[in-house]
Every structure is written in C-alpha cells, then in structure tokens.
Amino acid sequence: MRIKGVDFGQAPPAVQEIYQRAEKALGRVPSPTTVTAHVPDLLAVTTNLGAVISGSKIVEPRLKTLASLRAAQMAGCPF
C-alpha cells in the first residue's frame, strides 16, 4: 500500500511554498516530499535539514553525491 501525496491545491500555503522551491530546483516535486507534506511541520524540518546538509562545506559536493547514491543503493531505493 502506498501513501498518496498531498496535491498542490490541497496543501497549506507553507507546503505550497516548499513545493514551488522543489519545482524550481529540481523541475518537479519528489514523491517523498508530497508524502511528508501530510505532516507540514515534519516537511519543513526535513527540508531545512536537507538545505543545511547540502550547504555544508565540510565534505566536498561530489563526495556527498556519491555517498547519497551509495546509501540509496544499499537501501534498495528506486529513486
């Protein structure tokens, strides 16, 4: 059973703003974002966490990308 994501038109304004930023950055809104939107506070926190991790200069961007891809492979993530 899959959880249906929150549609843009059904989302509260704060979630719509996050959707718009994702659309601008990625060209789409990822499914995990729409599912997490069922709990707007959680979506806001995870979005901010992702931004902090992405913006960190401690680990070089290429290595972060490789680590993310490897973690997704290990978890069997289809994304």
PDB file of N, CA and C in Angstrom:
ATOM      1  N   MET A   1       0.844  -1.179   0.000  1.00  0.00           N
ATOM      2  CA  MET A   1       0.000   0.000   0.000  1.00  0.00           C
ATOM      3  C   MET A   1       0.888   1.241   0.000  1.00  0.00           C
ATOM      4  N   ARG A   2       0.635   2.149  -0.891  1.00  0.00           N
ATOM      5  CA  ARG A   2       1.396   3.398  -0.978  1.00  0.00           C
ATOM      6  C   ARG A   2       0.568   4.533  -0.398  1.00  0.00           C
ATOM      7  N   ILE A   3       1.254   5.453   0.225  1.00  0.00           N
ATOM      8  CA  ILE A   3       0.587   6.638   0.764  1.00  0.00           C
ATOM      9  C   ILE A   3       0.529   7.677  -0.350  1.00  0.00           C
ATOM     10  N   LYS A   4      -0.667   8.182  -0.610  1.00  0.00           N
ATOM     11  CA  LYS A   4      -0.835   9.201  -1.645  1.00  0.00           C
ATOM     12  C   LYS A   4      -0.315  10.529  -1.112  1.00  0.00           C
ATOM     13  N   GLY A   5       0.453  11.213  -1.934  1.00  0.00           N
ATOM     14  CA  GLY A   5       0.990  12.510  -1.551  1.00  0.00           C
ATOM     15  C   GLY A   5      -0.090  13.584  -1.526  1.00  0.00           C
ATOM     16  N   VAL A   6       0.242  14.704  -0.916  1.00  0.00           N
ATOM     17  CA  VAL A   6      -0.665  15.853  -0.843  1.00  0.00           C
ATOM     18  C   VAL A   6      -0.531  16.645  -2.139  1.00  0.00           C
ATOM     19  N   ASP A   7      -1.644  16.844  -2.831  1.00  0.00           N
ATOM     20  CA  ASP A   7      -1.657  17.638  -4.058  1.00  0.00           C
ATOM     21  C   ASP A   7      -1.418  19.105  -3.738  1.00  0.00           C
ATOM     22  N   PHE A   8      -0.834  19.812  -4.692  1.00  0.00           N
ATOM     23  CA  PHE A   8      -0.531  21.230  -4.512  1.00  0.00           C
ATOM     24  C   PHE A   8      -1.775  22.012  -4.077  1.00  0.00           C
ATOM     25  N   GLY A   9      -2.892  21.788  -4.743  1.00  0.00           N
ATOM     26  CA  GLY A   9      -4.113  22.523  -4.444  1.00  0.00           C
ATOM     27  C   GLY A   9      -4.683  22.245  -3.062  1.00  0.00           C
ATOM     28  N   GLN A  10      -4.341  21.110  -2.491  1.00  0.00           N
ATOM     29  CA  GLN A  10      -4.828  20.719  -1.161  1.00  0.00           C
ATOM     30  C   GLN A  10      -3.855  21.116  -0.050  1.00  0.00           C
ATOM     31  N   ALA A  11      -2.669  21.529  -0.443  1.00  0.00           N
ATOM     32  CA  ALA A  11      -1.609  21.807   0.539  1.00  0.00           C
ATOM     33  C   ALA A  11      -1.770  23.191   1.157  1.00  0.00           C
ATOM     34  N   PRO A  12      -1.399  23.322   2.436  1.00  0.00           N
ATOM     35  CA  PRO A  12      -1.411  24.652   3.058  1.00  0.00           C
ATOM     36  C   PRO A  12      -0.342  25.536   2.408  1.00  0.00           C
ATOM     37  N   PRO A  13      -0.456  26.852   2.548  1.00  0.00           N
ATOM     38  CA  PRO A  13       0.477  27.782   1.893  1.00  0.00           C
ATOM     39  C   PRO A  13       1.959  27.491   2.156  1.00  0.00           C
ATOM     40  N   ALA A  14       2.317  27.123   3.377  1.00  0.00           N
ATOM     41  CA  ALA A  14       3.727  26.848   3.680  1.00  0.00           C
ATOM     42  C   ALA A  14       4.230  25.645   2.880  1.00  0.00           C
ATOM     43  N   VAL A  15       3.383  24.647   2.704  1.00  0.00           N
ATOM     44  CA  VAL A  15       3.757  23.462   1.924  1.00  0.00           C
ATOM     45  C   VAL A  15       3.821  23.822   0.443  1.00  0.00           C
ATOM     46  N   GLN A  16       2.894  24.632  -0.019  1.00  0.00           N
ATOM     47  CA  GLN A  16       2.926  25.073  -1.421  1.00  0.00           C
ATOM     48  C   GLN A  16       4.239  25.796  -1.739  1.00  0.00           C
ATOM     49  N   GLU A  17       4.707  26.578  -0.782  1.00  0.00           N
ATOM     50  CA  GLU A  17       5.985  27.285  -0.966  1.00  0.00           C
ATOM     51  C   GLU A  17       7.140  26.288  -1.117  1.00  0.00           C
ATOM     52  N   ILE A  18       7.146  25.256  -0.301  1.00  0.00           N
ATOM     53  CA  ILE A  18       8.184  24.223  -0.392  1.00  0.00           C
ATOM     54  C   ILE A  18       8.074  23.495  -1.728  1.00  0.00           C
ATOM     55  N   TYR A  19       6.858  23.203  -2.170  1.00  0.00           N
ATOM     56  CA  TYR A  19       6.650  22.558  -3.468  1.00  0.00           C
ATOM     57  C   TYR A  19       7.212  23.434  -4.588  1.00  0.00           C
ATOM     58  N   GLN A  20       6.952  24.737  -4.524  1.00  0.00           N
ATOM     59  CA  GLN A  20       7.418  25.653  -5.560  1.00  0.00           C
ATOM     60  C   GLN A  20       8.946  25.708  -5.606  1.00  0.00           C
ATOM     61  N   ARG A  21       9.576  25.696  -4.429  1.00  0.00           N
ATOM     62  CA  ARG A  21      11.047  25.696  -4.392  1.00  0.00           C
ATOM     63  C   ARG A  21      11.607  24.407  -4.973  1.00  0.00           C
ATOM     64  N   ALA A  22      10.966  23.275  -4.658  1.00  0.00           N
ATOM     65  CA  ALA A  22      11.410  21.989  -5.207  1.00  0.00           C
ATOM     66  C   ALA A  22      11.244  21.974  -6.720  1.00  0.00           C
ATOM     67  N   GLU A  23      10.125  22.466  -7.188  1.00  0.00           N
ATOM     68  CA  GLU A  23       9.858  22.521  -8.630  1.00  0.00           C
ATOM     69  C   GLU A  23      10.917  23.367  -9.340  1.00  0.00           C
ATOM     70  N   LYS A  24      11.250  24.483  -8.731  1.00  0.00           N
ATOM     71  CA  LYS A  24      12.248  25.377  -9.330  1.00  0.00           C
ATOM     72  C   LYS A  24      13.637  24.726  -9.336  1.00  0.00           C
ATOM     73  N   ALA A  25      13.989  24.065  -8.244  1.00  0.00           N
ATOM     74  CA  ALA A  25      15.325  23.478  -8.118  1.00  0.00           C
ATOM     75  C   ALA A  25      15.474  22.168  -8.891  1.00  0.00           C
ATOM     76  N   LEU A  26      14.419  21.355  -8.904  1.00  0.00           N
ATOM     77  CA  LEU A  26      14.528  20.005  -9.453  1.00  0.00           C
ATOM     78  C   LEU A  26      13.712  19.781 -10.726  1.00  0.00           C
ATOM     79  N   GLY A  27      12.820  20.721 -11.024  1.00  0.00           N
ATOM     80  CA  GLY A  27      11.942  20.547 -12.175  1.00  0.00           C
ATOM     81  C   GLY A  27      10.709  19.723 -11.866  1.00  0.00           C
ATOM     82  N   ARG A  28      10.575  19.296 -10.628  1.00  0.00           N
ATOM     83  CA  ARG A  28       9.423  18.505 -10.168  1.00  0.00           C
ATOM     84  C   ARG A  28       9.419  18.481  -8.646  1.00  0.00           C
ATOM     85  N   VAL A  29       8.337  17.988  -8.089  1.00  0.00           N
ATOM     86  CA  VAL A  29       8.262  17.805  -6.638  1.00  0.00           C
ATOM     87  C   VAL A  29       8.394  16.299  -6.386  1.00  0.00           C
ATOM     88  N   PRO A  30       9.460  15.866  -5.714  1.00  0.00           N
ATOM     89  CA  PRO A  30       9.651  14.434  -5.469  1.00  0.00           C
ATOM     90  C   PRO A  30       8.523  13.830  -4.630  1.00  0.00           C
ATOM     91  N   SER A  31       8.224  12.577  -4.902  1.00  0.00           N
ATOM     92  CA  SER A  31       7.167  11.873  -4.159  1.00  0.00           C
ATOM     93  C   SER A  31       7.370  11.895  -2.647  1.00  0.00           C
ATOM     94  N   PRO A  32       8.599  11.666  -2.143  1.00  0.00           N
ATOM     95  CA  PRO A  32       8.765  11.710  -0.687  1.00  0.00           C
ATOM     96  C   PRO A  32       8.368  13.069  -0.095  1.00  0.00           C
ATOM     97  N   THR A  33       8.546  14.132  -0.862  1.00  0.00           N
ATOM     98  CA  THR A  33       8.159  15.463  -0.380  1.00  0.00           C
ATOM     99  C   THR A  33       6.645  15.549  -0.248  1.00  0.00           C
ATOM    100  N   THR A  34       5.922  15.052  -1.242  1.00  0.00           N
ATOM    101  CA  THR A  34       4.457  15.137  -1.194  1.00  0.00           C
ATOM    102  C   THR A  34       3.873  14.249  -0.097  1.00  0.00           C
ATOM    103  N   VAL A  35       4.548  13.142   0.187  1.00  0.00           N
ATOM    104  CA  VAL A  35       4.065  12.264   1.265  1.00  0.00           C
ATOM    105  C   VAL A  35       4.362  12.891   2.626  1.00  0.00           C
ATOM    106  N   THR A  36       5.547  13.444   2.777  1.00  0.00           N
ATOM    107  CA  THR A  36       5.906  14.085   4.043  1.00  0.00           C
ATOM    108  C   THR A  36       5.019  15.292   4.311  1.00  0.00           C
ATOM    109  N   ALA A  37       4.441  15.861   3.262  1.00  0.00           N
ATOM    110  CA  ALA A  37       3.567  17.033   3.411  1.00  0.00           C
ATOM    111  C   ALA A  37       2.310  16.744   4.224  1.00  0.00           C
ATOM    112  N   HIS A  38       2.014  15.486   4.488  1.00  0.00           N
ATOM    113  CA  HIS A  38       0.883  15.160   5.375  1.00  0.00           C
ATOM    114  C   HIS A  38       1.129  15.708   6.779  1.00  0.00           C
ATOM    115  N   VAL A  39       2.407  15.913   7.114  1.00  0.00           N
ATOM    116  CA  VAL A  39       2.789  16.497   8.403  1.00  0.00           C
ATOM    117  C   VAL A  39       3.655  17.727   8.068  1.00  0.00           C
ATOM    118  N   PRO A  40       3.022  18.884   7.847  1.00  0.00           N
ATOM    119  CA  PRO A  40       3.758  20.065   7.385  1.00  0.00           C
ATOM    120  C   PRO A  40       4.958  20.451   8.245  1.00  0.00           C
ATOM    121  N   ASP A  41       4.850  20.299   9.557  1.00  0.00           N
ATOM    122  CA  ASP A  41       5.994  20.633  10.418  1.00  0.00           C
ATOM    123  C   ASP A  41       7.181  19.715  10.128  1.00  0.00           C
ATOM    124  N   LEU A  42       6.907  18.446   9.908  1.00  0.00           N
ATOM    125  CA  LEU A  42       7.968  17.492   9.575  1.00  0.00           C
ATOM    126  C   LEU A  42       8.580  17.837   8.219  1.00  0.00           C
ATOM    127  N   LEU A  43       7.755  18.192   7.247  1.00  0.00           N
ATOM    128  CA  LEU A  43       8.268  18.581   5.939  1.00  0.00           C
ATOM    129  C   LEU A  43       9.180  19.795   6.050  1.00  0.00           C
ATOM    130  N   ALA A  44       8.775  20.779   6.828  1.00  0.00           N
ATOM    131  CA  ALA A  44       9.593  21.988   6.999  1.00  0.00           C
ATOM    132  C   ALA A  44      10.946  21.642   7.621  1.00  0.00           C
ATOM    133  N   VAL A  45      10.939  20.797   8.643  1.00  0.00           N
ATOM    134  CA  VAL A  45      12.184  20.430   9.328  1.00  0.00           C
ATOM    135  C   VAL A  45      13.094  19.614   8.407  1.00  0.00           C
ATOM    136  N   THR A  46      12.534  18.640   7.689  1.00  0.00           N
ATOM    137  CA  THR A  46      13.372  17.818   6.815  1.00  0.00           C
ATOM    138  C   THR A  46      13.896  18.629   5.628  1.00  0.00           C
ATOM    139  N   THR A  47      13.099  19.564   5.154  1.00  0.00           N
ATOM    140  CA  THR A  47      13.555  20.438   4.068  1.00  0.00           C
ATOM    141  C   THR A  47      14.722  21.305   4.538  1.00  0.00           C
ATOM    142  N   ASN A  48      14.596  21.853   5.736  1.00  0.00           N
ATOM    143  CA  ASN A  48      15.680  22.669   6.293  1.00  0.00           C
ATOM    144  C   ASN A  48      16.927  21.834   6.559  1.00  0.00           C
ATOM    145  N   LEU A  49      16.745  20.628   7.063  1.00  0.00           N
ATOM    146  CA  LEU A  49      17.885  19.741   7.300  1.00  0.00           C
ATOM    147  C   LEU A  49      18.612  19.453   5.990  1.00  0.00           C
ATOM    148  N   GLY A  50      17.850  19.150   4.949  1.00  0.00           N
ATOM    149  CA  GLY A  50      18.457  18.896   3.641  1.00  0.00           C
ATOM    150  C   GLY A  50      19.235  20.095   3.132  1.00  0.00           C
ATOM    151  N   ALA A  51      18.691  21.288   3.352  1.00  0.00           N
ATOM    152  CA  ALA A  51      19.371  22.512   2.915  1.00  0.00           C
ATOM    153  C   ALA A  51      20.679  22.718   3.676  1.00  0.00           C
ATOM    154  N   VAL A  52      20.666  22.434   4.967  1.00  0.00           N
ATOM    155  CA  VAL A  52      21.885  22.583   5.774  1.00  0.00           C
ATOM    156  C   VAL A  52      22.943  21.576   5.331  1.00  0.00           C
ATOM    157  N   ILE A  53      22.537  20.350   5.102  1.00  0.00           N
ATOM    158  CA  ILE A  53      23.478  19.324   4.658  1.00  0.00           C
ATOM    159  C   ILE A  53      24.039  19.691   3.281  1.00  0.00           C
ATOM    160  N   SER A  54      23.171  20.092   2.380  1.00  0.00           N
ATOM    161  CA  SER A  54      23.611  20.466   1.028  1.00  0.00           C
ATOM    162  C   SER A  54      24.547  21.671   1.048  1.00  0.00           C
ATOM    163  N   GLY A  55      24.281  22.612   1.939  1.00  0.00           N
ATOM    164  CA  GLY A  55      25.074  23.825   2.002  1.00  0.00           C
ATOM    165  C   GLY A  55      26.367  23.708   2.776  1.00  0.00           C
ATOM    166  N   SER A  56      26.550  22.602   3.475  1.00  0.00           N
ATOM    167  CA  SER A  56      27.761  22.414   4.261  1.00  0.00           C
ATOM    168  C   SER A  56      28.984  22.324   3.356  1.00  0.00           C
ATOM    169  N   LYS A  57      30.070  22.923   3.790  1.00  0.00           N
ATOM    170  CA  LYS A  57      31.322  22.918   3.019  1.00  0.00           C
ATOM    171  C   LYS A  57      32.345  21.934   3.603  1.00  0.00           C
ATOM    172  N   ILE A  58      31.961  21.190   4.635  1.00  0.00           N
ATOM    173  CA  ILE A  58      32.889  20.271   5.286  1.00  0.00           C
ATOM    174  C   ILE A  58      33.273  19.115   4.363  1.00  0.00           C
ATOM    175  N   VAL A  59      32.277  18.588   3.651  1.00  0.00           N
ATOM    176  CA  VAL A  59      32.521  17.497   2.713  1.00  0.00           C
ATOM    177  C   VAL A  59      32.299  18.044   1.308  1.00  0.00           C
ATOM    178  N   GLU A  60      33.190  17.713   0.381  1.00  0.00           N
ATOM    179  CA  GLU A  60      33.071  18.255  -0.971  1.00  0.00           C
ATOM    180  C   GLU A  60      31.788  17.729  -1.647  1.00  0.00           C
ATOM    181  N   PRO A  61      31.141  18.558  -2.452  1.00  0.00           N
ATOM    182  CA  PRO A  61      29.845  18.201  -3.053  1.00  0.00           C
ATOM    183  C   PRO A  61      29.850  16.871  -3.812  1.00  0.00           C
ATOM    184  N   ARG A  62      30.892  16.595  -4.541  1.00  0.00           N
ATOM    185  CA  ARG A  62      30.955  15.341  -5.300  1.00  0.00           C
ATOM    186  C   ARG A  62      30.913  14.135  -4.364  1.00  0.00           C
ATOM    187  N   LEU A  63      31.620  14.200  -3.263  1.00  0.00           N
ATOM    188  CA  LEU A  63      31.639  13.102  -2.305  1.00  0.00           C
ATOM    189  C   LEU A  63      30.265  12.942  -1.647  1.00  0.00           C
ATOM    190  N   LYS A  64      29.591  14.065  -1.349  1.00  0.00           N
ATOM    191  CA  LYS A  64      28.232  13.987  -0.781  1.00  0.00           C
ATOM    192  C   LYS A  64      27.289  13.276  -1.742  1.00  0.00           C
ATOM    193  N   THR A  65      27.409  13.608  -3.025  1.00  0.00           N
ATOM    194  CA  THR A  65      26.553  12.972  -4.030  1.00  0.00           C
ATOM    195  C   THR A  65      26.834  11.480  -4.109  1.00  0.00           C
ATOM    196  N   LEU A  66      28.091  11.111  -4.136  1.00  0.00           N
ATOM    197  CA  LEU A  66      28.444   9.693  -4.185  1.00  0.00           C
ATOM    198  C   LEU A  66      27.945   8.949  -2.943  1.00  0.00           C
ATOM    199  N   ALA A  67      28.082   9.565  -1.786  1.00  0.00           N
ATOM    200  CA  ALA A  67      27.613   8.933  -0.545  1.00  0.00           C
ATOM    201  C   ALA A  67      26.093   8.760  -0.570  1.00  0.00           C
ATOM    202  N   SER A  68      25.382   9.763  -1.076  1.00  0.00           N
ATOM    203  CA  SER A  68      23.917   9.674  -1.173  1.00  0.00           C
ATOM    204  C   SER A  68      23.498   8.554  -2.111  1.00  0.00           C
ATOM    205  N   LEU A  69      24.159   8.477  -3.257  1.00  0.00           N
ATOM    206  CA  LEU A  69      23.834   7.423  -4.220  1.00  0.00           C
ATOM    207  C   LEU A  69      24.111   6.040  -3.647  1.00  0.00           C
ATOM    208  N   ARG A  70      25.231   5.906  -2.971  1.00  0.00           N
ATOM    209  CA  ARG A  70      25.568   4.598  -2.389  1.00  0.00           C
ATOM    210  C   ARG A  70      24.595   4.207  -1.287  1.00  0.00           C
ATOM    211  N   ALA A  71      24.223   5.155  -0.457  1.00  0.00           N
ATOM    212  CA  ALA A  71      23.248   4.874   0.599  1.00  0.00           C
ATOM    213  C   ALA A  71      21.907   4.445  -0.008  1.00  0.00           C
ATOM    214  N   ALA A  72      21.499   5.114  -1.087  1.00  0.00           N
ATOM    215  CA  ALA A  72      20.246   4.751  -1.752  1.00  0.00           C
ATOM    216  C   ALA A  72      20.329   3.339  -2.339  1.00  0.00           C
ATOM    217  N   GLN A  73      21.484   3.007  -2.929  1.00  0.00           N
ATOM    218  CA  GLN A  73      21.674   1.644  -3.464  1.00  0.00           C
ATOM    219  C   GLN A  73      21.568   0.610  -2.348  1.00  0.00           C
ATOM    220  N   MET A  74      22.241   0.860  -1.251  1.00  0.00           N
ATOM    221  CA  MET A  74      22.253  -0.075  -0.138  1.00  0.00           C
ATOM    222  C   MET A  74      20.866  -0.274   0.460  1.00  0.00           C
ATOM    223  N   ALA A  75      20.046   0.782   0.424  1.00  0.00           N
ATOM    224  CA  ALA A  75      18.698   0.706   0.971  1.00  0.00           C
ATOM    225  C   ALA A  75      17.700   0.152  -0.043  1.00  0.00           C
ATOM    226  N   GLY A  76      18.162  -0.035  -1.282  1.00  0.00           N
ATOM    227  CA  GLY A  76      17.261  -0.548  -2.318  1.00  0.00           C
ATOM    228  C   GLY A  76      16.283   0.504  -2.814  1.00  0.00           C
ATOM    229  N   CYS A  77      16.664   1.757  -2.696  1.00  0.00           N
ATOM    230  CA  CYS A  77      15.794   2.867  -3.096  1.00  0.00           C
ATOM    231  C   CYS A  77      15.665   2.927  -4.606  1.00  0.00           C
ATOM    232  N   PRO A  78      14.430   2.980  -5.135  1.00  0.00           N
ATOM    233  CA  PRO A  78      14.256   3.036  -6.582  1.00  0.00           C
ATOM    234  C   PRO A  78      14.442   4.421  -7.182  1.00  0.00           C
ATOM    235  N   PHE A  79      14.689   5.439  -6.365  1.00  0.00           N
ATOM    236  CA  PHE A  79      14.778   6.809  -6.862  1.00  0.00           C
ATOM    237  C   PHE A  79      16.127   7.050  -7.480  1.00  0.00           C
TER     238      PHE A  79
END
